[in-house]
N, C-alpha and C. Protein backbone atom coordinates (compact mmCIF):
# COMPACT_ATOMS: atom_id res chain seq x y z
N UNK A 1 47.55 -69.15 2.11
CA UNK A 1 47.65 -69.34 1.02
C UNK A 1 48.20 -69.77 -0.31
N UNK A 2 49.35 -70.17 0.24
CA UNK A 2 50.20 -71.48 -0.73
C UNK A 2 49.35 -73.04 -0.77
N UNK A 3 48.75 -73.22 0.75
CA UNK A 3 48.16 -74.20 -0.03
C UNK A 3 47.03 -74.23 -0.37
N UNK A 4 45.72 -73.67 -0.37
CA UNK A 4 44.94 -72.86 -0.78
C UNK A 4 44.85 -72.98 -2.46
N UNK A 5 46.46 -72.81 -2.52
CA UNK A 5 46.64 -72.15 -4.07
C UNK A 5 46.51 -73.20 -4.48
N UNK A 6 47.21 -74.75 -3.66
CA UNK A 6 47.87 -75.54 -4.65
C UNK A 6 47.17 -77.16 -4.63
N UNK A 7 45.54 -76.33 -3.31
CA UNK A 7 44.86 -77.27 -3.44
C UNK A 7 43.33 -76.59 -4.68
N UNK A 8 43.57 -75.99 -5.00
CA UNK A 8 42.53 -75.06 -5.94
C UNK A 8 43.36 -76.14 -7.31
N UNK A 9 44.43 -75.26 -7.51
CA UNK A 9 45.16 -76.52 -8.53
C UNK A 9 45.08 -78.18 -8.76
N UNK A 10 44.81 -78.55 -7.73
CA UNK A 10 45.00 -80.06 -7.23
C UNK A 10 43.65 -80.47 -8.08
N UNK A 11 42.40 -79.56 -7.61
CA UNK A 11 41.33 -80.20 -7.62
C UNK A 11 40.96 -79.74 -9.29
N UNK A 12 41.44 -78.42 -10.06
CA UNK A 12 41.10 -78.87 -11.66
C UNK A 12 41.69 -79.70 -11.99
N UNK A 13 42.77 -80.16 -11.79
CA UNK A 13 43.85 -80.95 -12.53
C UNK A 13 43.79 -82.77 -12.15
N UNK A 14 42.13 -82.79 -11.50
CA UNK A 14 41.27 -83.90 -10.81
C UNK A 14 40.19 -84.12 -11.01
N UNK A 15 39.66 -82.54 -11.97
CA UNK A 15 38.60 -82.48 -11.74
C UNK A 15 37.23 -82.76 -10.47
N UNK A 16 38.13 -81.67 -9.69
CA UNK A 16 36.91 -82.22 -8.04
C UNK A 16 36.57 -80.76 -7.81
N UNK A 17 35.58 -81.00 -8.17
CA UNK A 17 34.93 -79.10 -8.61
C UNK A 17 34.98 -79.23 -7.10
N UNK A 18 34.56 -79.91 -5.81
CA UNK A 18 34.29 -79.76 -4.53
C UNK A 18 35.74 -79.53 -4.08
N UNK A 19 36.45 -79.87 -4.58
CA UNK A 19 37.85 -79.54 -3.79
C UNK A 19 38.33 -78.58 -4.10
N UNK A 20 38.38 -77.54 -5.61
CA UNK A 20 38.97 -76.43 -6.19
C UNK A 20 37.94 -74.95 -5.86
N UNK A 21 36.70 -75.62 -5.56
CA UNK A 21 35.81 -74.10 -6.02
C UNK A 21 35.90 -73.32 -4.30
N UNK A 22 36.26 -74.63 -3.70
CA UNK A 22 36.32 -74.17 -1.71
C UNK A 22 37.15 -73.55 -1.83
N UNK A 23 38.25 -74.43 -2.38
CA UNK A 23 39.64 -73.75 -2.71
C UNK A 23 39.94 -72.34 -2.90
N UNK A 24 39.55 -72.09 -4.09
CA UNK A 24 39.57 -71.06 -4.67
C UNK A 24 39.30 -69.56 -4.19
N UNK A 25 38.15 -69.72 -3.37
CA UNK A 25 37.44 -69.08 -1.71
C UNK A 25 38.45 -68.33 -1.35
N UNK A 26 38.54 -69.73 -0.35
CA UNK A 26 39.83 -69.39 0.91
C UNK A 26 41.58 -69.31 0.10
N UNK A 27 41.84 -68.97 -1.20
CA UNK A 27 42.92 -68.53 -1.81
C UNK A 27 41.97 -67.27 -2.21
N UNK A 28 41.29 -66.25 -2.29
CA UNK A 28 40.76 -65.43 -2.27
C UNK A 28 40.42 -64.67 -1.00
N UNK A 29 39.90 -65.02 0.28
CA UNK A 29 40.40 -64.94 1.37
C UNK A 29 41.63 -64.30 2.31
N UNK A 30 42.16 -65.59 1.93
CA UNK A 30 43.89 -65.05 2.16
C UNK A 30 44.50 -64.17 1.46
N UNK A 31 43.96 -63.84 0.09
CA UNK A 31 45.11 -62.65 -0.57
C UNK A 31 44.71 -61.29 -0.16
N UNK A 32 43.29 -61.08 0.01
CA UNK A 32 42.53 -60.22 0.90
C UNK A 32 42.96 -59.96 2.33
N UNK A 33 43.14 -61.29 3.14
CA UNK A 33 43.60 -60.87 4.30
C UNK A 33 45.04 -60.70 4.46
N UNK A 34 45.74 -60.92 3.62
CA UNK A 34 47.03 -60.53 3.12
C UNK A 34 47.51 -58.78 2.72
N UNK A 35 46.50 -58.50 2.33
CA UNK A 35 46.10 -57.31 1.64
C UNK A 35 46.01 -56.20 2.88
N UNK A 36 44.90 -56.84 3.65
CA UNK A 36 44.82 -56.35 5.08
C UNK A 36 46.17 -56.00 5.92
N UNK A 37 47.20 -57.02 6.59
CA UNK A 37 48.30 -57.40 6.79
C UNK A 37 49.14 -55.88 6.52
N UNK A 38 48.83 -56.26 5.38
CA UNK A 38 50.25 -54.61 4.81
C UNK A 38 50.12 -54.18 4.65
N UNK A 39 48.68 -53.64 4.78
CA UNK A 39 48.17 -52.04 4.62
C UNK A 39 48.35 -51.63 6.07
N UNK A 40 48.56 -52.60 7.17
CA UNK A 40 48.67 -52.00 8.03
C UNK A 40 50.05 -52.33 8.67
N UNK A 41 50.89 -52.90 8.27
CA UNK A 41 52.23 -52.89 8.25
C UNK A 41 52.79 -51.46 7.66
N UNK A 42 51.99 -51.21 6.55
CA UNK A 42 52.33 -50.15 5.61
C UNK A 42 52.27 -49.24 6.85
N UNK A 43 50.83 -48.99 6.82
CA UNK A 43 50.88 -47.35 8.44
C UNK A 43 52.17 -47.55 9.67
N UNK A 44 52.97 -48.31 10.22
CA UNK A 44 53.41 -48.31 10.88
C UNK A 44 55.37 -48.29 9.93
N UNK A 45 55.40 -48.43 8.99
CA UNK A 45 56.78 -48.36 7.84
C UNK A 45 57.15 -49.19 7.44
N UNK A 46 56.65 -50.92 8.17
CA UNK A 46 57.38 -52.45 8.22
C UNK A 46 56.76 -53.18 6.74
N UNK A 47 56.46 -52.64 6.33
CA UNK A 47 55.49 -53.17 4.63
C UNK A 47 56.35 -53.03 3.77
N UNK A 48 56.90 -54.43 3.53
CA UNK A 48 57.18 -54.91 1.87
C UNK A 48 56.82 -54.76 0.93
N UNK A 49 55.59 -54.46 0.85
CA UNK A 49 55.09 -54.24 -0.32
C UNK A 49 54.25 -55.26 -0.58
N UNK A 50 53.48 -55.37 -2.04
CA UNK A 50 52.39 -56.61 -1.84
C UNK A 50 53.05 -57.60 -2.99
N UNK A 51 54.05 -57.40 -3.75
CA UNK A 51 54.52 -58.64 -5.26
C UNK A 51 55.58 -59.07 -3.99
N UNK A 52 55.85 -58.43 -2.96
CA UNK A 52 56.96 -59.39 -2.15
C UNK A 52 56.01 -60.09 -1.04
N UNK A 53 54.85 -59.76 -0.72
CA UNK A 53 54.27 -60.51 0.13
C UNK A 53 53.84 -61.79 -0.29
N UNK A 54 53.13 -61.56 -1.74
CA UNK A 54 52.90 -62.37 -2.53
C UNK A 54 53.41 -63.25 -2.92
N UNK A 55 54.87 -63.42 -3.29
CA UNK A 55 55.92 -64.33 -3.94
C UNK A 55 55.97 -65.41 -3.38
N UNK A 56 56.23 -65.68 -1.87
CA UNK A 56 56.35 -66.84 -1.84
C UNK A 56 55.15 -67.79 -1.39
N UNK A 57 53.71 -67.31 -0.91
CA UNK A 57 53.08 -68.23 -1.69
C UNK A 57 52.31 -68.56 -2.62
N UNK A 58 52.78 -67.72 -3.53
CA UNK A 58 52.94 -68.00 -5.38
C UNK A 58 53.44 -69.17 -5.63
N UNK A 59 54.66 -68.94 -5.00
CA UNK A 59 55.97 -69.46 -6.23
C UNK A 59 55.87 -71.50 -5.17
N UNK A 60 55.79 -70.69 -3.71
CA UNK A 60 55.16 -72.49 -2.67
C UNK A 60 54.25 -72.92 -4.13
N UNK A 61 52.44 -72.61 -4.15
CA UNK A 61 51.82 -73.14 -4.46
C UNK A 61 51.85 -74.00 -6.37
N UNK A 62 52.45 -72.77 -6.94
CA UNK A 62 53.24 -73.48 -8.64
C UNK A 62 54.41 -74.45 -7.97
N UNK A 63 55.65 -74.48 -7.41
CA UNK A 63 55.68 -75.67 -7.38
C UNK A 63 54.94 -77.03 -6.66
N UNK A 64 54.46 -76.52 -6.18
CA UNK A 64 53.57 -77.84 -5.60
C UNK A 64 52.43 -78.85 -6.99
N UNK A 65 52.31 -77.88 -7.69
CA UNK A 65 51.30 -78.09 -8.47
C UNK A 65 52.46 -78.70 -9.63
N UNK A 66 53.03 -78.42 -10.27
CA UNK A 66 54.30 -78.90 -10.89
C UNK A 66 54.49 -80.34 -10.03
N UNK A 67 54.56 -80.27 -8.83
CA UNK A 67 54.96 -81.70 -7.92
C UNK A 67 53.83 -82.79 -8.57
N UNK A 68 52.76 -82.14 -8.88
CA UNK A 68 51.47 -83.25 -8.39
C UNK A 68 51.26 -83.67 -10.00
N UNK A 69 51.76 -82.42 -11.05
CA UNK A 69 51.99 -82.97 -12.38
C UNK A 69 52.63 -83.91 -13.10
N UNK A 70 53.74 -83.68 -12.26
CA UNK A 70 54.86 -84.36 -12.49
C UNK A 70 55.33 -85.87 -11.80
N UNK A 71 55.00 -85.69 -10.85
CA UNK A 71 55.53 -86.96 -9.58
C UNK A 71 54.34 -87.75 -9.31
N UNK A 72 53.63 -86.50 -9.08
CA UNK A 72 52.28 -87.49 -8.20
C UNK A 72 51.69 -87.25 -6.89
N UNK A 73 50.75 -87.97 -6.79
CA UNK A 73 49.57 -87.69 -5.50
C UNK A 73 50.60 -87.78 -4.21
N UNK A 74 51.04 -88.76 -4.46
CA UNK A 74 52.13 -88.80 -3.01
C UNK A 74 52.83 -87.57 -2.67
N UNK A 75 53.79 -87.02 -3.59
CA UNK A 75 54.43 -86.17 -3.43
C UNK A 75 54.29 -84.85 -3.52
N UNK A 76 52.71 -84.94 -4.25
CA UNK A 76 51.59 -84.03 -4.02
C UNK A 76 51.45 -83.59 -2.36
N UNK A 77 51.22 -84.50 -1.98
CA UNK A 77 50.92 -84.47 -0.49
C UNK A 77 52.02 -84.17 0.34
N UNK A 78 52.90 -84.66 0.47
CA UNK A 78 54.26 -84.25 1.01
C UNK A 78 54.83 -82.93 0.73
N UNK A 79 54.32 -82.07 -0.25
CA UNK A 79 54.76 -80.64 -0.67
C UNK A 79 53.34 -80.02 -0.24
N UNK A 80 51.83 -80.26 -0.26
CA UNK A 80 51.30 -79.86 -0.06
C UNK A 80 50.91 -79.56 1.73
N UNK A 81 51.11 -80.84 1.70
CA UNK A 81 51.55 -80.64 4.35
C UNK A 81 52.34 -79.68 4.20
N UNK A 82 53.95 -79.79 3.89
CA UNK A 82 54.69 -78.54 4.29
C UNK A 82 54.44 -76.84 4.98
N UNK A 83 53.48 -76.70 3.99
CA UNK A 83 52.90 -75.23 4.16
C UNK A 83 52.07 -75.57 5.30
N UNK A 84 50.92 -75.92 5.20
CA UNK A 84 49.77 -76.32 5.64
C UNK A 84 50.36 -76.62 7.25
N UNK A 85 51.51 -77.42 7.78
CA UNK A 85 51.79 -77.69 8.38
C UNK A 85 52.45 -76.70 9.39
N UNK A 86 53.03 -76.25 8.59
CA UNK A 86 54.19 -74.93 8.91
C UNK A 86 53.03 -73.95 9.55
N UNK A 87 52.46 -72.81 9.10
CA UNK A 87 51.14 -72.35 9.03
C UNK A 87 49.97 -73.03 10.61
N UNK A 88 50.33 -74.32 11.23
CA UNK A 88 49.27 -74.95 11.96
C UNK A 88 50.14 -74.81 13.01
N UNK A 89 51.71 -74.90 13.08
CA UNK A 89 52.78 -75.06 13.94
C UNK A 89 52.99 -73.87 14.66
N UNK A 90 53.46 -72.76 13.58
CA UNK A 90 53.07 -71.51 14.16
C UNK A 90 52.23 -70.79 15.01
N UNK A 91 50.84 -71.50 14.44
CA UNK A 91 49.94 -71.39 15.40
C UNK A 91 49.51 -71.76 16.42
N UNK A 92 50.07 -72.68 16.70
CA UNK A 92 50.34 -73.57 17.54
C UNK A 92 51.48 -73.20 18.81
N UNK A 93 52.29 -72.64 18.18
CA UNK A 93 53.69 -72.05 19.50
C UNK A 93 53.11 -70.56 19.77
N UNK A 94 52.45 -69.78 19.19
CA UNK A 94 51.40 -68.48 19.65
C UNK A 94 50.93 -68.97 20.71
N UNK A 95 50.58 -70.09 20.40
CA UNK A 95 48.76 -69.93 21.51
C UNK A 95 49.75 -70.62 22.70
N UNK A 96 50.81 -71.91 22.59
CA UNK A 96 51.24 -71.65 23.54
C UNK A 96 52.02 -70.83 24.23
N UNK A 97 53.38 -69.60 23.19
CA UNK A 97 53.08 -68.95 23.80
C UNK A 97 53.13 -67.24 24.56
N UNK A 98 51.82 -66.89 23.49
CA UNK A 98 51.32 -65.39 23.88
C UNK A 98 51.06 -65.49 25.19
N UNK A 99 51.25 -64.24 25.52
CA UNK A 99 50.27 -64.48 27.22
C UNK A 99 48.89 -64.14 26.98
N UNK A 100 48.53 -62.72 25.38
CA UNK A 100 46.95 -62.91 25.45
C UNK A 100 46.36 -63.30 23.87
N UNK A 101 45.81 -64.08 24.36
CA UNK A 101 44.79 -65.53 23.19
C UNK A 101 43.60 -64.33 23.06
N UNK A 102 43.08 -64.05 23.38
CA UNK A 102 42.07 -62.89 23.55
C UNK A 102 40.83 -62.58 22.19
N UNK A 103 42.15 -62.82 21.22
CA UNK A 103 41.94 -62.35 19.77
C UNK A 103 41.48 -63.89 18.53
N UNK A 104 41.78 -64.93 19.57
CA UNK A 104 41.36 -65.90 19.25
C UNK A 104 40.03 -66.49 19.26
N UNK A 105 39.76 -67.26 17.98
CA UNK A 105 38.82 -67.54 17.79
C UNK A 105 38.20 -69.20 18.11
N UNK A 106 37.95 -69.52 19.07
CA UNK A 106 37.40 -70.98 18.81
C UNK A 106 35.97 -71.46 18.40
N UNK A 107 35.75 -70.87 17.47
CA UNK A 107 34.90 -70.98 16.56
C UNK A 107 35.31 -71.41 15.27
N UNK A 108 37.13 -70.62 14.59
CA UNK A 108 37.04 -70.75 13.85
C UNK A 108 38.18 -72.16 13.70
N UNK A 109 38.88 -72.10 15.60
CA UNK A 109 39.85 -73.69 14.75
C UNK A 109 38.49 -74.78 15.26
N UNK A 110 37.49 -74.56 16.27
CA UNK A 110 36.87 -75.93 15.76
C UNK A 110 36.63 -75.69 14.44
N UNK A 111 36.64 -74.85 13.46
CA UNK A 111 35.87 -75.45 12.12
C UNK A 111 36.81 -76.18 11.70
N UNK A 112 38.11 -75.17 11.84
CA UNK A 112 39.54 -76.03 11.44
C UNK A 112 39.45 -77.56 10.81
N UNK A 113 39.15 -78.16 11.97
CA UNK A 113 39.04 -79.52 12.96
C UNK A 113 38.47 -80.05 12.10
N UNK A 114 37.28 -79.21 11.99
CA UNK A 114 35.45 -80.01 11.76
C UNK A 114 36.10 -80.12 9.71
N UNK A 115 36.52 -78.82 9.33
CA UNK A 115 36.95 -78.73 7.87
C UNK A 115 38.10 -80.42 7.46
N UNK A 116 39.05 -80.37 8.06
CA UNK A 116 39.16 -81.19 8.05
C UNK A 116 39.38 -82.67 8.39
N UNK A 117 38.44 -82.97 9.21
CA UNK A 117 37.47 -84.41 9.26
C UNK A 117 36.46 -84.33 7.86
N UNK A 118 36.18 -83.00 7.13
CA UNK A 118 35.56 -83.20 6.16
C UNK A 118 35.85 -84.26 4.96
N UNK A 119 37.39 -83.44 5.17
CA UNK A 119 38.60 -83.71 3.92
C UNK A 119 38.51 -84.93 4.00
N UNK A 120 39.16 -85.36 4.91
CA UNK A 120 39.68 -86.95 4.84
C UNK A 120 38.63 -87.66 4.83
N UNK A 121 37.20 -87.45 5.91
CA UNK A 121 36.15 -88.63 5.23
C UNK A 121 35.85 -88.74 3.55
N UNK A 122 35.71 -87.33 2.94
CA UNK A 122 35.81 -87.56 1.58
C UNK A 122 36.96 -87.68 0.63
N UNK A 123 37.85 -87.64 1.00
CA UNK A 123 39.25 -88.25 0.34
C UNK A 123 39.36 -90.04 0.97
N UNK A 124 38.33 -90.60 1.62
CA UNK A 124 38.24 -92.21 1.94
C UNK A 124 37.58 -92.53 1.56
N UNK A 125 36.30 -91.88 0.84
CA UNK A 125 35.56 -92.02 -0.22
C UNK A 125 35.64 -92.04 -1.27
N UNK A 126 36.48 -91.08 -1.85
CA UNK A 126 36.52 -90.96 -3.41
C UNK A 126 38.03 -91.46 -3.49
N UNK A 127 38.67 -92.20 -2.76
CA UNK A 127 40.04 -92.47 -3.14
C UNK A 127 40.51 -91.60 -3.10
N UNK A 128 40.78 -90.27 -2.68
CA UNK A 128 42.00 -89.81 -3.05
C UNK A 128 42.55 -89.28 -1.84
N UNK A 129 43.94 -90.02 -2.35
CA UNK A 129 45.04 -90.39 -1.72
C UNK A 129 45.45 -89.00 -1.14
N UNK A 130 45.59 -88.49 -1.82
CA UNK A 130 46.76 -87.00 -1.22
C UNK A 130 45.46 -86.23 -0.22
N UNK A 131 44.11 -86.42 -0.59
CA UNK A 131 43.36 -85.59 0.94
C UNK A 131 43.04 -86.54 1.96
N UNK A 132 43.29 -88.14 2.44
CA UNK A 132 44.07 -88.26 2.86
C UNK A 132 45.07 -88.58 3.79
N UNK A 133 46.33 -88.87 3.26
CA UNK A 133 47.00 -88.30 3.90
C UNK A 133 47.62 -86.61 4.72
N UNK A 134 47.11 -85.66 3.98
CA UNK A 134 47.11 -84.08 4.54
C UNK A 134 45.52 -84.31 5.44
N UNK A 135 44.80 -83.99 4.96
CA UNK A 135 44.20 -84.25 6.39
C UNK A 135 44.28 -84.70 7.27
N UNK A 136 44.22 -85.98 6.75
CA UNK A 136 44.09 -86.92 8.43
C UNK A 136 45.81 -86.26 8.87
N UNK A 137 47.19 -85.98 8.93
CA UNK A 137 47.78 -85.47 9.53
C UNK A 137 47.33 -84.21 10.23
N UNK A 138 46.32 -82.93 9.23
CA UNK A 138 46.25 -81.62 9.92
C UNK A 138 45.05 -81.90 10.79
N UNK A 139 44.73 -83.13 11.04
CA UNK A 139 43.25 -83.35 11.95
C UNK A 139 44.50 -83.31 13.40
N UNK A 140 44.96 -83.30 13.07
CA UNK A 140 45.85 -83.42 14.87
C UNK A 140 46.42 -82.35 14.90
N UNK A 141 47.07 -82.24 14.08
CA UNK A 141 47.78 -80.77 14.55
C UNK A 141 47.02 -79.80 14.76
N UNK A 142 45.38 -79.34 13.68
CA UNK A 142 44.52 -78.39 13.84
C UNK A 142 44.05 -78.68 15.33
N UNK A 143 43.77 -80.59 15.47
CA UNK A 143 42.72 -80.60 17.04
C UNK A 143 44.07 -80.38 17.95
N UNK A 144 45.14 -80.22 17.79
CA UNK A 144 45.86 -79.98 18.96
C UNK A 144 46.05 -78.73 19.10
N UNK A 145 46.17 -77.40 17.84
CA UNK A 145 45.70 -76.33 18.54
C UNK A 145 44.32 -75.58 19.10
N UNK A 146 43.61 -76.44 18.73
CA UNK A 146 41.80 -76.50 19.09
C UNK A 146 42.34 -76.61 20.96
N UNK A 147 43.18 -78.07 21.16
CA UNK A 147 42.97 -78.28 22.22
C UNK A 147 44.11 -77.44 23.02
N UNK A 148 45.29 -76.98 22.88
CA UNK A 148 45.90 -75.94 23.25
C UNK A 148 44.82 -74.54 23.91
N UNK A 149 44.15 -74.34 23.08
CA UNK A 149 43.32 -73.30 22.74
C UNK A 149 42.27 -73.03 24.87
N UNK A 150 41.50 -75.01 24.31
CA UNK A 150 40.98 -74.48 25.05
C UNK A 150 41.30 -74.70 26.52
N UNK A 151 42.61 -75.63 26.56
CA UNK A 151 43.15 -75.48 28.06
C UNK A 151 43.92 -74.27 28.46
N UNK A 152 43.94 -73.04 27.36
CA UNK A 152 44.47 -72.05 28.33
C UNK A 152 43.03 -71.28 28.41
N UNK A 153 42.06 -71.51 27.90
CA UNK A 153 41.05 -70.72 27.82
C UNK A 153 40.36 -70.50 29.49
N UNK A 154 40.55 -72.54 29.85
CA UNK A 154 40.08 -73.21 31.01
C UNK A 154 41.53 -72.76 32.15
N UNK A 155 41.57 -72.29 32.01
CA UNK A 155 43.37 -71.97 32.97
C UNK A 155 44.11 -72.97 33.05
N UNK A 156 43.97 -74.16 32.78
CA UNK A 156 44.96 -75.16 32.61
C UNK A 156 46.45 -75.53 32.33
N UNK A 157 46.68 -74.50 31.18
CA UNK A 157 47.22 -73.96 30.19
C UNK A 157 47.93 -72.78 30.76
N UNK A 158 49.74 -72.24 31.28
CA UNK A 158 49.59 -70.82 31.11
C UNK A 158 51.03 -71.13 30.08
N UNK A 159 51.13 -69.58 29.51
CA UNK A 159 52.22 -69.47 28.88
C UNK A 159 53.61 -69.70 29.60
N UNK A 160 53.37 -69.10 30.97
CA UNK A 160 54.42 -69.20 31.40
C UNK A 160 55.14 -70.23 31.49
N UNK A 161 54.57 -70.57 31.70
CA UNK A 161 55.20 -72.92 32.05
C UNK A 161 55.36 -73.39 30.83
N UNK A 162 54.57 -72.70 29.45
CA UNK A 162 55.33 -73.77 28.74
C UNK A 162 56.76 -72.85 28.19
N UNK A 163 56.72 -71.49 28.34
CA UNK A 163 58.27 -70.34 28.02
C UNK A 163 59.25 -70.99 28.66
N UNK A 164 58.86 -71.42 29.65
CA UNK A 164 60.12 -72.45 30.51
C UNK A 164 60.64 -73.44 29.82
N UNK A 165 59.28 -74.05 29.32
CA UNK A 165 60.10 -75.69 28.59
C UNK A 165 60.28 -75.61 27.31
N UNK A 166 59.57 -74.74 26.66
CA UNK A 166 60.04 -74.50 24.74
C UNK A 166 61.07 -73.88 24.89
N UNK A 167 61.73 -72.76 26.01
CA UNK A 167 62.92 -72.22 25.67
C UNK A 167 64.35 -72.53 26.26
N UNK A 168 64.21 -73.85 26.65
CA UNK A 168 65.46 -74.60 27.04
C UNK A 168 66.61 -74.27 26.29
N UNK A 169 66.67 -74.21 24.47
CA UNK A 169 67.20 -73.74 24.06
C UNK A 169 68.11 -72.85 24.26
N UNK A 170 67.79 -72.41 24.67
CA UNK A 170 68.07 -70.49 25.00
C UNK A 170 68.23 -69.91 26.08
N UNK A 171 68.08 -71.63 27.23
CA UNK A 171 68.59 -70.75 28.60
C UNK A 171 69.41 -70.83 29.04
N UNK A 172 69.87 -70.42 30.43
CA UNK A 172 70.82 -69.87 30.73
C UNK A 172 71.60 -70.72 32.04
N UNK A 173 72.16 -71.34 31.67
CA UNK A 173 72.22 -72.44 33.02
C UNK A 173 73.91 -71.80 33.77
N UNK A 174 73.66 -71.31 34.66
CA UNK A 174 74.79 -70.78 35.61
C UNK A 174 75.67 -72.20 35.91
N UNK A 175 76.82 -71.87 35.82
CA UNK A 175 78.09 -72.81 35.65
C UNK A 175 79.13 -72.12 36.64
N UNK A 176 79.92 -72.46 37.48
CA UNK A 176 81.17 -72.33 37.85
C UNK A 176 82.35 -72.89 37.10
N UNK A 177 82.94 -71.18 37.36
CA UNK A 177 84.52 -72.25 36.04
C UNK A 177 85.89 -71.99 37.32
N UNK A 178 86.13 -73.20 37.21
CA UNK A 178 87.49 -73.55 37.72
C UNK A 178 88.60 -72.90 37.61
N UNK A 179 89.27 -71.76 37.94
CA UNK A 179 90.34 -70.97 37.48
C UNK A 179 90.88 -72.07 37.10
N UNK A 180 91.53 -72.63 38.18
CA UNK A 180 92.97 -72.84 38.21
C UNK A 180 92.78 -74.46 36.30
N UNK A 181 91.49 -75.28 36.38
CA UNK A 181 91.43 -76.13 35.00
C UNK A 181 91.04 -74.79 33.84
N UNK A 182 90.19 -74.30 34.06
CA UNK A 182 89.55 -72.98 33.53
C UNK A 182 88.61 -74.08 32.10
N UNK A 183 88.11 -74.99 32.71
CA UNK A 183 86.74 -75.58 32.22
C UNK A 183 85.44 -75.73 33.21
N UNK A 184 84.88 -75.28 32.62
CA UNK A 184 83.42 -74.66 33.20
C UNK A 184 82.96 -76.52 34.14
N UNK A 185 82.44 -75.99 35.41
CA UNK A 185 82.16 -77.57 36.19
C UNK A 185 80.86 -77.27 36.84
N UNK A 186 80.21 -78.26 37.17
CA UNK A 186 78.86 -78.25 37.73
C UNK A 186 78.52 -77.37 39.00
């Protein structure tokens, strides 16, 4: 939602209706999804409430818009890329580690890649540096999500293998302690 809010405002600032209108629709969709998630969390008692749910996306959106207005399109690109990249990387982590990905939509992932390709193409044709930088980078991340999903569905990639590689920072390595020297030995 933060990214969509940012692009909506950026589209209004730059006068590109083709940028702000779809971003506004996506912002509305994201807001509705947060309402549904919050409602589900309320059922099991873990909801933090709507104001708290919306606070971070609204703050991030406002900060990125301020960056666009005060610093310029390059800084805006960096600011708007961070939340988008975080969401893509979180999705990638889930695709790599979750045992069941049956609820993930291949169509949604493919549309994500296609949308980034279209935004990149438009940014190139319109000479919009922010679109070129952000969409160009997100093509790689959304493409990685789609590739990971396809590999998982084809059975060529399994979460157990990935967990053992990705979780090395949590791995416990057996070590013998030499009682006389009181330090670990391999």
